[in-house]
PDB file of N, CA and C in Angstrom:
ATOM      1  N   MET A   1     -30.960  62.128 -11.191  1.00  0.00           N
ATOM      2  CA  MET A   1     -31.759  60.933 -11.141  1.00  0.00           C
ATOM      3  C   MET A   1     -31.926  60.485  -9.687  1.00  0.00           C
ATOM      4  N   ALA A   2     -33.131  60.064  -9.336  1.00  0.00           N
ATOM      5  CA  ALA A   2     -33.411  59.623  -7.971  1.00  0.00           C
ATOM      6  C   ALA A   2     -32.709  58.305  -7.672  1.00  0.00           C
ATOM      7  N   THR A   3     -32.278  58.159  -6.449  1.00  0.00           N
ATOM      8  CA  THR A   3     -31.662  56.922  -5.999  1.00  0.00           C
ATOM      9  C   THR A   3     -32.716  55.871  -5.665  1.00  0.00           C
ATOM     10  N   ALA A   4     -33.882  56.329  -5.199  1.00  0.00           N
ATOM     11  CA  ALA A   4     -34.928  55.399  -4.765  1.00  0.00           C
ATOM     12  C   ALA A   4     -36.297  55.949  -5.125  1.00  0.00           C
ATOM     13  N   ARG A   5     -37.280  55.058  -5.111  1.00  0.00           N
ATOM     14  CA  ARG A   5     -38.679  55.443  -5.311  1.00  0.00           C
ATOM     15  C   ARG A   5     -39.477  54.928  -4.121  1.00  0.00           C
ATOM     16  N   LEU A   6     -40.502  55.646  -3.756  1.00  0.00           N
ATOM     17  CA  LEU A   6     -41.353  55.223  -2.658  1.00  0.00           C
ATOM     18  C   LEU A   6     -42.044  53.921  -3.041  1.00  0.00           C
ATOM     19  N   GLY A   7     -41.875  52.882  -2.218  1.00  0.00           N
ATOM     20  CA  GLY A   7     -42.433  51.581  -2.534  1.00  0.00           C
ATOM     21  C   GLY A   7     -43.736  51.283  -1.816  1.00  0.00           C
ATOM     22  N   LEU A   8     -43.749  51.457  -0.494  1.00  0.00           N
ATOM     23  CA  LEU A   8     -44.968  51.202   0.265  1.00  0.00           C
ATOM     24  C   LEU A   8     -44.888  51.897   1.605  1.00  0.00           C
ATOM     25  N   THR A   9     -46.015  51.985   2.250  1.00  0.00           N
ATOM     26  CA  THR A   9     -46.115  52.515   3.602  1.00  0.00           C
ATOM     27  C   THR A   9     -46.562  51.373   4.498  1.00  0.00           C
ATOM     28  N   ALA A  10     -45.850  51.144   5.592  1.00  0.00           N
ATOM     29  CA  ALA A  10     -46.188  50.068   6.522  1.00  0.00           C
ATOM     30  C   ALA A  10     -46.767  50.664   7.803  1.00  0.00           C
ATOM     31  N   LEU A  11     -47.854  50.080   8.264  1.00  0.00           N
ATOM     32  CA  LEU A  11     -48.523  50.528   9.482  1.00  0.00           C
ATOM     33  C   LEU A  11     -48.502  49.414  10.510  1.00  0.00           C
ATOM     34  N   ASP A  12     -47.984  49.688  11.704  1.00  0.00           N
ATOM     35  CA  ASP A  12     -48.031  48.722  12.790  1.00  0.00           C
ATOM     36  C   ASP A  12     -49.465  48.611  13.304  1.00  0.00           C
ATOM     37  N   CYS A  13     -49.824  47.424  13.781  1.00  0.00           N
ATOM     38  CA  CYS A  13     -51.171  47.229  14.312  1.00  0.00           C
ATOM     39  C   CYS A  13     -51.232  45.903  15.063  1.00  0.00           C
ATOM     40  N   SER A  14     -52.364  45.619  15.685  1.00  0.00           N
ATOM     41  CA  SER A  14     -52.555  44.330  16.347  1.00  0.00           C
ATOM     42  C   SER A  14     -53.324  43.354  15.462  1.00  0.00           C
ATOM     43  N   ASP A  15     -54.099  43.851  14.487  1.00  0.00           N
ATOM     44  CA  ASP A  15     -54.894  42.986  13.619  1.00  0.00           C
ATOM     45  C   ASP A  15     -54.749  43.435  12.161  1.00  0.00           C
ATOM     46  N   PRO A  16     -53.785  42.877  11.436  1.00  0.00           N
ATOM     47  CA  PRO A  16     -53.535  43.309  10.063  1.00  0.00           C
ATOM     48  C   PRO A  16     -54.736  43.175   9.133  1.00  0.00           C
ATOM     49  N   SER A  17     -55.535  42.154   9.302  1.00  0.00           N
ATOM     50  CA  SER A  17     -56.676  41.950   8.413  1.00  0.00           C
ATOM     51  C   SER A  17     -57.695  43.081   8.540  1.00  0.00           C
ATOM     52  N   VAL A  18     -58.041  43.432   9.766  1.00  0.00           N
ATOM     53  CA  VAL A  18     -59.010  44.520   9.988  1.00  0.00           C
ATOM     54  C   VAL A  18     -58.483  45.828   9.404  1.00  0.00           C
ATOM     55  N   LEU A  19     -57.229  46.136   9.688  1.00  0.00           N
ATOM     56  CA  LEU A  19     -56.664  47.396   9.218  1.00  0.00           C
ATOM     57  C   LEU A  19     -56.552  47.429   7.691  1.00  0.00           C
ATOM     58  N   ALA A  20     -56.104  46.340   7.092  1.00  0.00           N
ATOM     59  CA  ALA A  20     -55.969  46.295   5.630  1.00  0.00           C
ATOM     60  C   ALA A  20     -57.329  46.428   4.942  1.00  0.00           C
ATOM     61  N   HIS A  21     -58.333  45.758   5.455  1.00  0.00           N
ATOM     62  CA  HIS A  21     -59.649  45.861   4.819  1.00  0.00           C
ATOM     63  C   HIS A  21     -60.228  47.269   4.956  1.00  0.00           C
ATOM     64  N   PHE A  22     -59.976  47.926   6.090  1.00  0.00           N
ATOM     65  CA  PHE A  22     -60.404  49.321   6.236  1.00  0.00           C
ATOM     66  C   PHE A  22     -59.762  50.188   5.165  1.00  0.00           C
ATOM     67  N   TRP A  23     -58.420  50.120   5.040  1.00  0.00           N
ATOM     68  CA  TRP A  23     -57.720  50.974   4.081  1.00  0.00           C
ATOM     69  C   TRP A  23     -58.075  50.611   2.644  1.00  0.00           C
ATOM     70  N   ALA A  24     -58.261  49.342   2.344  1.00  0.00           N
ATOM     71  CA  ALA A  24     -58.661  48.945   0.985  1.00  0.00           C
ATOM     72  C   ALA A  24     -60.009  49.562   0.631  1.00  0.00           C
ATOM     73  N   ALA A  25     -60.955  49.509   1.554  1.00  0.00           N
ATOM     74  CA  ALA A  25     -62.274  50.084   1.296  1.00  0.00           C
ATOM     75  C   ALA A  25     -62.211  51.603   1.170  1.00  0.00           C
ATOM     76  N   LEU A  26     -61.466  52.252   2.050  1.00  0.00           N
ATOM     77  CA  LEU A  26     -61.383  53.712   2.020  1.00  0.00           C
ATOM     78  C   LEU A  26     -60.693  54.218   0.758  1.00  0.00           C
ATOM     79  N   LEU A  27     -59.638  53.529   0.330  1.00  0.00           N
ATOM     80  CA  LEU A  27     -58.849  53.974  -0.820  1.00  0.00           C
ATOM     81  C   LEU A  27     -59.316  53.387  -2.152  1.00  0.00           C
ATOM     82  N   GLY A  28     -60.317  52.509  -2.112  1.00  0.00           N
ATOM     83  CA  GLY A  28     -60.765  51.868  -3.338  1.00  0.00           C
ATOM     84  C   GLY A  28     -59.742  50.896  -3.877  1.00  0.00           C
ATOM     85  N   GLY A  29     -58.986  50.294  -2.979  1.00  0.00           N
ATOM     86  CA  GLY A  29     -57.946  49.341  -3.369  1.00  0.00           C
ATOM     87  C   GLY A  29     -58.382  47.920  -3.085  1.00  0.00           C
ATOM     88  N   GLU A  30     -57.412  47.021  -3.096  1.00  0.00           N
ATOM     89  CA  GLU A  30     -57.710  45.627  -2.790  1.00  0.00           C
ATOM     90  C   GLU A  30     -56.601  45.033  -1.942  1.00  0.00           C
ATOM     91  N   VAL A  31     -56.993  44.100  -1.091  1.00  0.00           N
ATOM     92  CA  VAL A  31     -56.015  43.361  -0.293  1.00  0.00           C
ATOM     93  C   VAL A  31     -55.422  42.303  -1.211  1.00  0.00           C
ATOM     94  N   THR A  32     -54.117  42.412  -1.478  1.00  0.00           N
ATOM     95  CA  THR A  32     -53.472  41.525  -2.453  1.00  0.00           C
ATOM     96  C   THR A  32     -52.644  40.421  -1.827  1.00  0.00           C
ATOM     97  N   HIS A  33     -52.197  40.595  -0.596  1.00  0.00           N
ATOM     98  CA  HIS A  33     -51.410  39.584   0.110  1.00  0.00           C
ATOM     99  C   HIS A  33     -51.897  39.561   1.550  1.00  0.00           C
ATOM    100  N   ARG A  34     -51.970  38.351   2.118  1.00  0.00           N
ATOM    101  CA  ARG A  34     -52.396  38.272   3.515  1.00  0.00           C
ATOM    102  C   ARG A  34     -51.864  37.021   4.178  1.00  0.00           C
ATOM    103  N   ASN A  35     -51.487  37.183   5.427  1.00  0.00           N
ATOM    104  CA  ASN A  35     -51.201  36.066   6.316  1.00  0.00           C
ATOM    105  C   ASN A  35     -51.410  36.574   7.737  1.00  0.00           C
ATOM    106  N   ASP A  36     -51.057  35.801   8.726  1.00  0.00           N
ATOM    107  CA  ASP A  36     -51.315  36.214  10.109  1.00  0.00           C
ATOM    108  C   ASP A  36     -50.472  37.409  10.534  1.00  0.00           C
ATOM    109  N   GLU A  37     -49.350  37.641   9.864  1.00  0.00           N
ATOM    110  CA  GLU A  37     -48.411  38.690  10.271  1.00  0.00           C
ATOM    111  C   GLU A  37     -48.555  39.999   9.504  1.00  0.00           C
ATOM    112  N   PHE A  38     -49.054  39.947   8.275  1.00  0.00           N
ATOM    113  CA  PHE A  38     -49.224  41.189   7.525  1.00  0.00           C
ATOM    114  C   PHE A  38     -50.256  41.019   6.413  1.00  0.00           C
ATOM    115  N   CYS A  39     -50.816  42.133   6.003  1.00  0.00           N
ATOM    116  CA  CYS A  39     -51.723  42.188   4.854  1.00  0.00           C
ATOM    117  C   CYS A  39     -51.319  43.399   4.030  1.00  0.00           C
ATOM    118  N   ALA A  40     -51.297  43.233   2.712  1.00  0.00           N
ATOM    119  CA  ALA A  40     -50.913  44.318   1.809  1.00  0.00           C
ATOM    120  C   ALA A  40     -52.120  44.805   1.020  1.00  0.00           C
ATOM    121  N   VAL A  41     -52.197  46.116   0.856  1.00  0.00           N
ATOM    122  CA  VAL A  41     -53.265  46.752   0.098  1.00  0.00           C
ATOM    123  C   VAL A  41     -52.648  47.460  -1.096  1.00  0.00           C
ATOM    124  N   LYS A  42     -53.153  47.162  -2.274  1.00  0.00           N
ATOM    125  CA  LYS A  42     -52.724  47.872  -3.479  1.00  0.00           C
ATOM    126  C   LYS A  42     -53.821  48.875  -3.826  1.00  0.00           C
ATOM    127  N   ALA A  43     -53.424  50.135  -3.990  1.00  0.00           N
ATOM    128  CA  ALA A  43     -54.365  51.209  -4.319  1.00  0.00           C
ATOM    129  C   ALA A  43     -53.654  52.196  -5.235  1.00  0.00           C
ATOM    130  N   ASP A  44     -54.420  53.064  -5.865  1.00  0.00           N
ATOM    131  CA  ASP A  44     -53.793  54.116  -6.658  1.00  0.00           C
ATOM    132  C   ASP A  44     -52.802  54.852  -5.778  1.00  0.00           C
ATOM    133  N   GLY A  45     -51.604  55.049  -6.276  1.00  0.00           N
ATOM    134  CA  GLY A  45     -50.599  55.781  -5.522  1.00  0.00           C
ATOM    135  C   GLY A  45     -49.640  54.902  -4.747  1.00  0.00           C
ATOM    136  N   GLY A  46     -49.868  53.587  -4.714  1.00  0.00           N
ATOM    137  CA  GLY A  46     -48.893  52.739  -4.049  1.00  0.00           C
ATOM    138  C   GLY A  46     -49.479  51.629  -3.223  1.00  0.00           C
ATOM    139  N   MET A  47     -48.631  51.079  -2.393  1.00  0.00           N
ATOM    140  CA  MET A  47     -48.989  49.962  -1.526  1.00  0.00           C
ATOM    141  C   MET A  47     -48.974  50.418  -0.072  1.00  0.00           C
ATOM    142  N   LEU A  48     -49.882  49.840   0.695  1.00  0.00           N
ATOM    143  CA  LEU A  48     -49.940  50.057   2.126  1.00  0.00           C
ATOM    144  C   LEU A  48     -49.957  48.670   2.766  1.00  0.00           C
ATOM    145  N   VAL A  49     -49.133  48.461   3.777  1.00  0.00           N
ATOM    146  CA  VAL A  49     -49.034  47.156   4.424  1.00  0.00           C
ATOM    147  C   VAL A  49     -49.361  47.312   5.904  1.00  0.00           C
ATOM    148  N   ALA A  50     -50.245  46.463   6.409  1.00  0.00           N
ATOM    149  CA  ALA A  50     -50.561  46.406   7.832  1.00  0.00           C
ATOM    150  C   ALA A  50     -49.742  45.271   8.431  1.00  0.00           C
ATOM    151  N   VAL A  51     -48.922  45.592   9.435  1.00  0.00           N
ATOM    152  CA  VAL A  51     -47.980  44.634  10.015  1.00  0.00           C
ATOM    153  C   VAL A  51     -48.337  44.391  11.480  1.00  0.00           C
ATOM    154  N   LYS A  52     -48.486  43.120  11.838  1.00  0.00           N
ATOM    155  CA  LYS A  52     -48.805  42.762  13.223  1.00  0.00           C
ATOM    156  C   LYS A  52     -47.594  42.989  14.120  1.00  0.00           C
ATOM    157  N   VAL A  53     -47.815  43.680  15.232  1.00  0.00           N
ATOM    158  CA  VAL A  53     -46.774  43.954  16.224  1.00  0.00           C
ATOM    159  C   VAL A  53     -47.279  43.444  17.572  1.00  0.00           C
ATOM    160  N   GLN A  54     -46.495  42.591  18.207  1.00  0.00           N
ATOM    161  CA  GLN A  54     -46.869  42.097  19.532  1.00  0.00           C
ATOM    162  C   GLN A  54     -46.960  43.274  20.502  1.00  0.00           C
ATOM    163  N   ASP A  55     -47.950  43.260  21.359  1.00  0.00           N
ATOM    164  CA  ASP A  55     -48.154  44.310  22.359  1.00  0.00           C
ATOM    165  C   ASP A  55     -48.281  45.693  21.730  1.00  0.00           C
ATOM    166  N   TYR A  56     -48.903  45.755  20.537  1.00  0.00           N
ATOM    167  CA  TYR A  56     -49.107  47.035  19.850  1.00  0.00           C
ATOM    168  C   TYR A  56     -49.847  48.018  20.758  1.00  0.00           C
ATOM    169  N   LYS A  57     -49.364  49.239  20.779  1.00  0.00           N
ATOM    170  CA  LYS A  57     -50.005  50.320  21.534  1.00  0.00           C
ATOM    171  C   LYS A  57     -50.408  51.399  20.536  1.00  0.00           C
ATOM    172  N   PRO A  58     -51.702  51.679  20.407  1.00  0.00           N
ATOM    173  CA  PRO A  58     -52.125  52.704  19.449  1.00  0.00           C
ATOM    174  C   PRO A  58     -51.650  54.094  19.870  1.00  0.00           C
ATOM    175  N   PRO A  59     -51.483  54.972  18.892  1.00  0.00           N
ATOM    176  CA  PRO A  59     -51.096  56.345  19.213  1.00  0.00           C
ATOM    177  C   PRO A  59     -52.124  56.995  20.135  1.00  0.00           C
ATOM    178  N   THR A  60     -51.655  57.908  20.955  1.00  0.00           N
ATOM    179  CA  THR A  60     -52.549  58.647  21.859  1.00  0.00           C
ATOM    180  C   THR A  60     -52.675  60.108  21.435  1.00  0.00           C
ATOM    181  N   TRP A  61     -52.321  60.417  20.187  1.00  0.00           N
ATOM    182  CA  TRP A  61     -52.367  61.781  19.679  1.00  0.00           C
ATOM    183  C   TRP A  61     -53.709  62.421  19.994  1.00  0.00           C
ATOM    184  N   PRO A  62     -53.747  63.659  20.438  1.00  0.00           N
ATOM    185  CA  PRO A  62     -52.659  64.628  20.523  1.00  0.00           C
ATOM    186  C   PRO A  62     -51.803  64.511  21.785  1.00  0.00           C
ATOM    187  N   ASP A  63     -52.163  63.627  22.710  1.00  0.00           N
ATOM    188  CA  ASP A  63     -51.319  63.375  23.877  1.00  0.00           C
ATOM    189  C   ASP A  63     -50.046  62.674  23.396  1.00  0.00           C
ATOM    190  N   PRO A  64     -48.864  63.192  23.719  1.00  0.00           N
ATOM    191  CA  PRO A  64     -47.617  62.622  23.204  1.00  0.00           C
ATOM    192  C   PRO A  64     -47.144  61.342  23.902  1.00  0.00           C
ATOM    193  N   ALA A  65     -47.935  60.779  24.803  1.00  0.00           N
ATOM    194  CA  ALA A  65     -47.488  59.579  25.540  1.00  0.00           C
ATOM    195  C   ALA A  65     -47.083  58.450  24.593  1.00  0.00           C
ATOM    196  N   VAL A  66     -47.869  58.209  23.544  1.00  0.00           N
ATOM    197  CA  VAL A  66     -47.510  57.248  22.498  1.00  0.00           C
ATOM    198  C   VAL A  66     -47.580  58.026  21.184  1.00  0.00           C
ATOM    199  N   PRO A  67     -46.443  58.243  20.514  1.00  0.00           N
ATOM    200  CA  PRO A  67     -46.416  59.052  19.284  1.00  0.00           C
ATOM    201  C   PRO A  67     -47.377  58.538  18.219  1.00  0.00           C
ATOM    202  N   LYS A  68     -47.759  59.438  17.301  1.00  0.00           N
ATOM    203  CA  LYS A  68     -48.736  59.059  16.279  1.00  0.00           C
ATOM    204  C   LYS A  68     -48.202  58.067  15.261  1.00  0.00           C
ATOM    205  N   GLN A  69     -46.916  57.848  15.166  1.00  0.00           N
ATOM    206  CA  GLN A  69     -46.281  56.807  14.359  1.00  0.00           C
ATOM    207  C   GLN A  69     -46.332  57.081  12.858  1.00  0.00           C
ATOM    208  N   MET A  70     -47.330  57.676  12.356  1.00  0.00           N
ATOM    209  CA  MET A  70     -47.427  58.073  10.954  1.00  0.00           C
ATOM    210  C   MET A  70     -48.641  58.980  10.840  1.00  0.00           C
ATOM    211  N   HIS A  71     -48.746  59.653   9.702  1.00  0.00           N
ATOM    212  CA  HIS A  71     -49.880  60.562   9.494  1.00  0.00           C
ATOM    213  C   HIS A  71     -50.065  60.711   7.987  1.00  0.00           C
ATOM    214  N   LEU A  72     -51.123  60.169   7.447  1.00  0.00           N
ATOM    215  CA  LEU A  72     -51.423  60.291   6.022  1.00  0.00           C
ATOM    216  C   LEU A  72     -52.386  61.443   5.786  1.00  0.00           C
ATOM    217  N   HIS A  73     -52.213  62.130   4.680  1.00  0.00           N
ATOM    218  CA  HIS A  73     -53.171  63.117   4.210  1.00  0.00           C
ATOM    219  C   HIS A  73     -53.767  62.578   2.929  1.00  0.00           C
ATOM    220  N   LEU A  74     -55.083  62.472   2.880  1.00  0.00           N
ATOM    221  CA  LEU A  74     -55.777  61.943   1.721  1.00  0.00           C
ATOM    222  C   LEU A  74     -56.600  63.042   1.075  1.00  0.00           C
ATOM    223  N   LYS A  75     -56.444  63.221  -0.221  1.00  0.00           N
ATOM    224  CA  LYS A  75     -57.196  64.251  -0.935  1.00  0.00           C
ATOM    225  C   LYS A  75     -58.586  63.730  -1.270  1.00  0.00           C
ATOM    226  N   VAL A  76     -59.589  64.542  -0.961  1.00  0.00           N
ATOM    227  CA  VAL A  76     -60.987  64.184  -1.208  1.00  0.00           C
ATOM    228  C   VAL A  76     -61.686  65.353  -1.893  1.00  0.00           C
ATOM    229  N   ASP A  77     -62.819  65.073  -2.504  1.00  0.00           N
ATOM    230  CA  ASP A  77     -63.595  66.131  -3.160  1.00  0.00           C
ATOM    231  C   ASP A  77     -64.512  66.855  -2.182  1.00  0.00           C
ATOM    232  N   ASP A  78     -65.071  66.133  -1.215  1.00  0.00           N
ATOM    233  CA  ASP A  78     -66.027  66.714  -0.276  1.00  0.00           C
ATOM    234  C   ASP A  78     -65.714  66.205   1.130  1.00  0.00           C
ATOM    235  N   LEU A  79     -65.392  67.109   2.040  1.00  0.00           N
ATOM    236  CA  LEU A  79     -64.998  66.728   3.399  1.00  0.00           C
ATOM    237  C   LEU A  79     -66.097  65.985   4.152  1.00  0.00           C
ATOM    238  N   ASP A  80     -67.318  66.504   4.098  1.00  0.00           N
ATOM    239  CA  ASP A  80     -68.407  65.882   4.855  1.00  0.00           C
ATOM    240  C   ASP A  80     -68.692  64.466   4.375  1.00  0.00           C
ATOM    241  N   THR A  81     -68.776  64.285   3.062  1.00  0.00           N
ATOM    242  CA  THR A  81     -69.050  62.961   2.501  1.00  0.00           C
ATOM    243  C   THR A  81     -67.915  61.996   2.806  1.00  0.00           C
ATOM    244  N   ALA A  82     -66.688  62.440   2.624  1.00  0.00           N
ATOM    245  CA  ALA A  82     -65.533  61.577   2.892  1.00  0.00           C
ATOM    246  C   ALA A  82     -65.473  61.193   4.366  1.00  0.00           C
ATOM    247  N   GLN A  83     -65.757  62.127   5.246  1.00  0.00           N
ATOM    248  CA  GLN A  83     -65.739  61.823   6.680  1.00  0.00           C
ATOM    249  C   GLN A  83     -66.810  60.791   7.005  1.00  0.00           C
ATOM    250  N   MET A  84     -68.017  60.957   6.483  1.00  0.00           N
ATOM    251  CA  MET A  84     -69.088  59.984   6.741  1.00  0.00           C
ATOM    252  C   MET A  84     -68.710  58.602   6.229  1.00  0.00           C
ATOM    253  N   ASP A  85     -68.116  58.542   5.032  1.00  0.00           N
ATOM    254  CA  ASP A  85     -67.699  57.255   4.475  1.00  0.00           C
ATOM    255  C   ASP A  85     -66.621  56.606   5.338  1.00  0.00           C
ATOM    256  N   ALA A  86     -65.633  57.382   5.759  1.00  0.00           N
ATOM    257  CA  ALA A  86     -64.551  56.844   6.578  1.00  0.00           C
ATOM    258  C   ALA A  86     -65.085  56.293   7.900  1.00  0.00           C
ATOM    259  N   VAL A  87     -65.994  57.012   8.521  1.00  0.00           N
ATOM    260  CA  VAL A  87     -66.586  56.554   9.785  1.00  0.00           C
ATOM    261  C   VAL A  87     -67.408  55.285   9.553  1.00  0.00           C
ATOM    262  N   ARG A  88     -68.156  55.238   8.472  1.00  0.00           N
ATOM    263  CA  ARG A  88     -68.943  54.045   8.138  1.00  0.00           C
ATOM    264  C   ARG A  88     -68.038  52.825   7.979  1.00  0.00           C
ATOM    265  N   LEU A  89     -66.822  53.038   7.475  1.00  0.00           N
ATOM    266  CA  LEU A  89     -65.879  51.943   7.252  1.00  0.00           C
ATOM    267  C   LEU A  89     -65.097  51.543   8.505  1.00  0.00           C
ATOM    268  N   GLY A  90     -65.200  52.339   9.578  1.00  0.00           N
ATOM    269  CA  GLY A  90     -64.526  51.969  10.821  1.00  0.00           C
ATOM    270  C   GLY A  90     -63.619  53.016  11.422  1.00  0.00           C
ATOM    271  N   ALA A  91     -63.488  54.174  10.789  1.00  0.00           N
ATOM    272  CA  ALA A  91     -62.668  55.248  11.358  1.00  0.00           C
ATOM    273  C   ALA A  91     -63.429  55.928  12.502  1.00  0.00           C
ATOM    274  N   ARG A  92     -62.677  56.633  13.327  1.00  0.00           N
ATOM    275  CA  ARG A  92     -63.269  57.464  14.378  1.00  0.00           C
ATOM    276  C   ARG A  92     -62.825  58.899  14.151  1.00  0.00           C
ATOM    277  N   VAL A  93     -63.695  59.842  14.422  1.00  0.00           N
ATOM    278  CA  VAL A  93     -63.335  61.256  14.306  1.00  0.00           C
ATOM    279  C   VAL A  93     -62.509  61.624  15.529  1.00  0.00           C
ATOM    280  N   ALA A  94     -61.351  62.239  15.295  1.00  0.00           N
ATOM    281  CA  ALA A  94     -60.485  62.659  16.401  1.00  0.00           C
ATOM    282  C   ALA A  94     -61.132  63.811  17.160  1.00  0.00           C
ATOM    283  N   THR A  95     -60.909  63.854  18.460  1.00  0.00           N
ATOM    284  CA  THR A  95     -61.456  64.950  19.254  1.00  0.00           C
ATOM    285  C   THR A  95     -60.764  66.263  18.917  1.00  0.00           C
ATOM    286  N   GLU A  96     -59.490  66.191  18.549  1.00  0.00           N
ATOM    287  CA  GLU A  96     -58.719  67.380  18.168  1.00  0.00           C
ATOM    288  C   GLU A  96     -58.949  67.672  16.686  1.00  0.00           C
ATOM    289  N   GLN A  97     -59.516  68.821  16.386  1.00  0.00           N
ATOM    290  CA  GLN A  97     -59.749  69.258  15.004  1.00  0.00           C
ATOM    291  C   GLN A  97     -59.158  70.660  14.865  1.00  0.00           C
ATOM    292  N   THR A  98     -57.956  70.757  14.300  1.00  0.00           N
ATOM    293  CA  THR A  98     -57.239  72.027  14.263  1.00  0.00           C
ATOM    294  C   THR A  98     -57.750  72.993  13.212  1.00  0.00           C
ATOM    295  N   ASN A  99     -58.282  72.517  12.114  1.00  0.00           N
ATOM    296  CA  ASN A  99     -58.788  73.400  11.063  1.00  0.00           C
ATOM    297  C   ASN A  99     -59.824  72.648  10.225  1.00  0.00           C
ATOM    298  N   PRO A 100     -60.997  72.347  10.802  1.00  0.00           N
ATOM    299  CA  PRO A 100     -61.966  71.470  10.144  1.00  0.00           C
ATOM    300  C   PRO A 100     -62.556  72.011   8.849  1.00  0.00           C
ATOM    301  N   GLU A 101     -62.378  73.292   8.571  1.00  0.00           N
ATOM    302  CA  GLU A 101     -62.851  73.834   7.295  1.00  0.00           C
ATOM    303  C   GLU A 101     -61.956  73.370   6.148  1.00  0.00           C
ATOM    304  N   LEU A 102     -60.681  73.079   6.458  1.00  0.00           N
ATOM    305  CA  LEU A 102     -59.715  72.677   5.434  1.00  0.00           C
ATOM    306  C   LEU A 102     -59.399  71.189   5.458  1.00  0.00           C
ATOM    307  N   TRP A 103     -59.407  70.559   6.633  1.00  0.00           N
ATOM    308  CA  TRP A 103     -59.138  69.136   6.733  1.00  0.00           C
ATOM    309  C   TRP A 103     -59.812  68.575   7.969  1.00  0.00           C
ATOM    310  N   ARG A 104     -60.072  67.279   7.926  1.00  0.00           N
ATOM    311  CA  ARG A 104     -60.675  66.565   9.051  1.00  0.00           C
ATOM    312  C   ARG A 104     -59.696  65.505   9.514  1.00  0.00           C
ATOM    313  N   ILE A 105     -59.526  65.413  10.805  1.00  0.00           N
ATOM    314  CA  ILE A 105     -58.609  64.435  11.387  1.00  0.00           C
ATOM    315  C   ILE A 105     -59.433  63.257  11.904  1.00  0.00           C
ATOM    316  N   LEU A 106     -59.065  62.074  11.444  1.00  0.00           N
ATOM    317  CA  LEU A 106     -59.728  60.854  11.869  1.00  0.00           C
ATOM    318  C   LEU A 106     -58.677  59.861  12.357  1.00  0.00           C
ATOM    319  N   LEU A 107     -59.138  58.782  12.974  1.00  0.00           N
ATOM    320  CA  LEU A 107     -58.260  57.719  13.442  1.00  0.00           C
ATOM    321  C   LEU A 107     -58.702  56.426  12.766  1.00  0.00           C
ATOM    322  N   ASP A 108     -57.741  55.689  12.196  1.00  0.00           N
ATOM    323  CA  ASP A 108     -58.082  54.414  11.566  1.00  0.00           C
ATOM    324  C   ASP A 108     -58.369  53.377  12.657  1.00  0.00           C
ATOM    325  N   PRO A 109     -58.807  52.155  12.303  1.00  0.00           N
ATOM    326  CA  PRO A 109     -59.149  51.173  13.330  1.00  0.00           C
ATOM    327  C   PRO A 109     -58.016  50.825  14.295  1.00  0.00           C
ATOM    328  N   ALA A 110     -56.755  51.052  13.907  1.00  0.00           N
ATOM    329  CA  ALA A 110     -55.623  50.798  14.810  1.00  0.00           C
ATOM    330  C   ALA A 110     -55.212  52.042  15.577  1.00  0.00           C
ATOM    331  N   GLY A 111     -55.910  53.162  15.364  1.00  0.00           N
ATOM    332  CA  GLY A 111     -55.628  54.392  16.100  1.00  0.00           C
ATOM    333  C   GLY A 111     -54.703  55.373  15.416  1.00  0.00           C
ATOM    334  N   HIS A 112     -54.223  55.065  14.200  1.00  0.00           N
ATOM    335  CA  HIS A 112     -53.343  56.003  13.482  1.00  0.00           C
ATOM    336  C   HIS A 112     -54.152  57.200  12.997  1.00  0.00           C
ATOM    337  N   PRO A 113     -53.697  58.416  13.289  1.00  0.00           N
ATOM    338  CA  PRO A 113     -54.390  59.584  12.768  1.00  0.00           C
ATOM    339  C   PRO A 113     -54.144  59.745  11.272  1.00  0.00           C
ATOM    340  N   PHE A 114     -55.157  60.224  10.563  1.00  0.00           N
ATOM    341  CA  PHE A 114     -55.010  60.584   9.155  1.00  0.00           C
ATOM    342  C   PHE A 114     -55.949  61.744   8.876  1.00  0.00           C
ATOM    343  N   CYS A 115     -55.638  62.496   7.835  1.00  0.00           N
ATOM    344  CA  CYS A 115     -56.441  63.665   7.485  1.00  0.00           C
ATOM    345  C   CYS A 115     -57.120  63.452   6.150  1.00  0.00           C
ATOM    346  N   LEU A 116     -58.317  63.971   6.048  1.00  0.00           N
ATOM    347  CA  LEU A 116     -59.026  64.101   4.791  1.00  0.00           C
ATOM    348  C   LEU A 116     -58.952  65.584   4.444  1.00  0.00           C
ATOM    349  N   ALA A 117     -58.541  65.919   3.235  1.00  0.00           N
ATOM    350  CA  ALA A 117     -58.357  67.328   2.866  1.00  0.00           C
ATOM    351  C   ALA A 117     -58.776  67.549   1.418  1.00  0.00           C
ATOM    352  N   THR A 118     -59.321  68.715   1.149  1.00  0.00           N
ATOM    353  CA  THR A 118     -59.673  69.053  -0.221  1.00  0.00           C
ATOM    354  C   THR A 118     -58.482  69.665  -0.950  1.00  0.00           C
ATOM    355  N   GLU A 119     -57.508  70.147  -0.228  1.00  0.00           N
ATOM    356  CA  GLU A 119     -56.293  70.726  -0.817  1.00  0.00           C
ATOM    357  C   GLU A 119     -55.081  70.043  -0.207  1.00  0.00           C
ATOM    358  N   ILE A 120     -54.167  69.623  -1.051  1.00  0.00           N
ATOM    359  CA  ILE A 120     -52.908  69.012  -0.628  1.00  0.00           C
ATOM    360  C   ILE A 120     -51.782  69.791  -1.289  1.00  0.00           C
ATOM    361  N   LEU A 121     -50.692  69.958  -0.585  1.00  0.00           N
ATOM    362  CA  LEU A 121     -49.548  70.658  -1.160  1.00  0.00           C
ATOM    363  C   LEU A 121     -49.100  69.979  -2.445  1.00  0.00           C
ATOM    364  N   ASP A 122     -48.823  70.752  -3.452  1.00  0.00           N
ATOM    365  CA  ASP A 122     -48.299  70.201  -4.699  1.00  0.00           C
ATOM    366  C   ASP A 122     -46.834  70.530  -4.830  1.00  0.00           C
TER     367      ASP A 122
END
């Protein structure tokens, strides 16, 4: 029997509202809690929380000067469509694309890298 279950993923940022609304729109979730310090998003698969950090520094991936801090892989049906939707919602396409036929690397509004992929390890 497991000792614990995954409860939520927390993302550091400078503007929790902007980041939470981006992830809610991308994941088809909703912002369920909000204040000046954090916003929570409920979506299929769990909760994601955007947490305000003073003097937040976004990741500089692939440059290791500021580590990527986290990396989500999101399963999608169509890479091109998902990438266009993510960019429309506020993501940026990363300059580093290691295997764009299998996954696309994007950066959320706070600079966290995430991947869109048609195949995820099971």
